[in-house]
Structures are given as structure tokens and as C-alpha cells.
């Protein structure tokens, strides 16, 4: 019985060490990307429709790889603004065109 118990302890010990090496916690976290649209022209390159009461707005633009929780930097009326993507839907044609619900966040 003690041999069996010792063997199980070694197996569980190796398993837990293997699990720690294979799946470190810092690799499981996904970083939010920042997409800089501050040099793009409002009305030509993108459209932004503010929802004033909620510090939110809808943006239609072009670009790939934008996901919910990412950030978008815009220049609106000469002021740099930072928004976080709450929802985004890509058009089927063209496939890099999208509409997103953005929420304004503090610029740091």
C-alpha cells in the first residue's frame, strides 16, 4: 500500500509540475491592442456617431484584427480620444470594413 501511495504522490507531483510549465498564467492573459486612427480623417476615412449620454459612440471604419476589448485612438475636433471596443461586427464585403460600439476611456 505504501508503494502505491508513493507512486501516486510522484505521479501527481510530476503532473502538477508539467501543468505549470505547459500553461503559465501570464501566457493565458491576452493583451488588448491599441489601434491608432488619429491620423485618419473623420467623414472620409471613418464615420463616428457619438451617443453623448453614455460617453459611447458607433464607429464605422476599415482595418483587420480589431477585437472587443481593444482600444482605438481617434482625433475628434482636434482632441485625442481613447475608446474601448465593446462590440464589433465585420461586413462580409469588403471583409475589412466594420462597425463597432465604442466606450470612451481616460487617456493615460
Protein backbone atom coordinates (compact mmCIF):
# COMPACT_ATOMS: atom_id res chain seq x y z
CA UNK A 1 0.00 0.00 0.00
CA UNK A 2 2.81 2.46 0.79
CA UNK A 3 4.44 1.75 -2.59
CA UNK A 4 1.19 2.53 -4.32
CA UNK A 5 0.77 5.73 -2.32
CA UNK A 6 4.37 6.81 -3.04
CA UNK A 7 3.90 6.12 -6.75
CA UNK A 8 0.72 8.19 -6.80
CA UNK A 9 2.42 11.08 -5.00
CA UNK A 10 5.26 11.07 -7.52
CA UNK A 11 2.80 10.92 -10.43
CA UNK A 12 0.71 13.79 -9.09
CA UNK A 13 3.86 15.78 -8.31
CA UNK A 14 5.15 15.35 -11.88
CA UNK A 15 1.72 16.12 -13.32
CA UNK A 16 1.40 19.37 -11.38
CA UNK A 17 4.92 20.48 -12.41
CA UNK A 18 4.17 19.63 -16.03
CA UNK A 19 0.92 21.59 -15.90
CA UNK A 20 2.73 24.64 -14.52
CA UNK A 21 5.34 24.53 -17.26
CA UNK A 22 2.85 23.96 -20.07
CA UNK A 23 0.28 26.57 -19.08
CA UNK A 24 1.87 29.52 -17.27
CA UNK A 25 -0.72 32.04 -16.14
CA UNK A 26 0.95 35.02 -17.83
CA UNK A 27 0.66 33.38 -21.27
CA UNK A 28 -3.07 32.80 -20.81
CA UNK A 29 -3.74 36.53 -20.45
CA UNK A 30 -4.48 38.27 -23.73
CA UNK A 31 -3.28 41.83 -24.18
CA UNK A 32 -5.63 44.38 -25.65
CA UNK A 33 -4.21 46.01 -28.75
CA UNK A 34 -4.26 49.75 -29.41
CA UNK A 35 -5.29 50.82 -32.91
CA UNK A 36 -4.31 54.40 -33.77
CA UNK A 37 -6.80 56.09 -36.07
CA UNK A 38 -5.79 59.61 -35.01
CA UNK A 39 -4.27 60.40 -38.43
CA UNK A 40 -7.40 59.31 -40.30
CA UNK A 41 -9.93 61.90 -41.47
CA UNK A 42 -13.39 61.91 -39.91
CA UNK A 43 -16.03 61.64 -42.62
CA UNK A 44 -13.58 60.36 -45.26
CA UNK A 45 -11.66 57.50 -43.65
CA UNK A 46 -14.15 56.66 -40.91
CA UNK A 47 -17.53 57.69 -39.51
CA UNK A 48 -18.16 58.30 -35.81
CA UNK A 49 -21.64 58.77 -34.37
CA UNK A 50 -21.49 59.81 -30.69
CA UNK A 51 -24.04 58.74 -28.08
CA UNK A 52 -23.45 61.68 -25.73
CA UNK A 53 -25.42 60.50 -22.73
CA UNK A 54 -23.28 57.38 -22.28
CA UNK A 55 -19.81 58.54 -23.46
CA UNK A 56 -20.18 55.96 -26.21
CA UNK A 57 -20.39 56.01 -29.96
CA UNK A 58 -20.62 53.93 -33.10
CA UNK A 59 -17.66 53.93 -35.45
CA UNK A 60 -17.55 52.55 -38.98
CA UNK A 61 -14.08 52.04 -40.37
CA UNK A 62 -11.70 49.75 -42.16
CA UNK A 63 -8.93 47.53 -40.84
CA UNK A 64 -8.35 43.97 -39.76
CA UNK A 65 -7.64 42.41 -36.40
CA UNK A 66 -9.75 44.68 -34.20
CA UNK A 67 -11.46 42.74 -31.42
CA UNK A 68 -13.69 43.52 -28.44
CA UNK A 69 -11.68 45.00 -25.53
CA UNK A 70 -9.10 46.51 -27.92
CA UNK A 71 -8.57 50.27 -27.85
CA UNK A 72 -8.97 52.81 -30.66
CA UNK A 73 -7.36 56.26 -30.60
CA UNK A 74 -9.28 58.94 -32.52
CA UNK A 75 -8.79 62.64 -33.10
CA UNK A 76 -12.17 64.33 -32.83
CA UNK A 77 -12.38 68.13 -33.12
CA UNK A 78 -8.61 68.35 -32.59
CA UNK A 79 -8.73 66.35 -29.34
CA UNK A 80 -7.21 62.89 -28.91
CA UNK A 81 -9.77 60.45 -27.52
CA UNK A 82 -9.33 56.85 -26.44
CA UNK A 83 -12.16 54.35 -26.79
CA UNK A 84 -12.51 50.69 -25.90
CA UNK A 85 -14.29 48.39 -28.33
CA UNK A 86 -17.36 46.88 -26.67
CA UNK A 87 -18.77 45.13 -29.76
CA UNK A 88 -17.60 44.86 -33.34
CA UNK A 89 -19.16 43.38 -36.47
CA UNK A 90 -17.26 42.93 -39.71
CA UNK A 91 -19.01 43.35 -43.05
CA UNK A 92 -18.90 40.46 -45.49
CA UNK A 93 -17.92 42.73 -48.38
CA UNK A 94 -15.47 44.35 -48.04
CA UNK A 95 -14.25 41.96 -45.36
CA UNK A 96 -12.04 44.53 -43.61
CA UNK A 97 -14.88 47.02 -43.07
CA UNK A 98 -16.55 47.04 -39.66
CA UNK A 99 -18.90 48.83 -37.31
CA UNK A 100 -18.14 48.94 -33.60
CA UNK A 101 -19.72 50.17 -30.41
CA UNK A 102 -17.05 52.16 -28.54
CA UNK A 103 -16.90 53.38 -24.95
CA UNK A 104 -14.69 56.35 -24.08
CA UNK A 105 -11.94 55.72 -21.54
CA UNK A 106 -9.41 58.04 -19.93
CA UNK A 107 -6.26 58.76 -21.94
CA UNK A 108 -3.20 57.76 -19.91
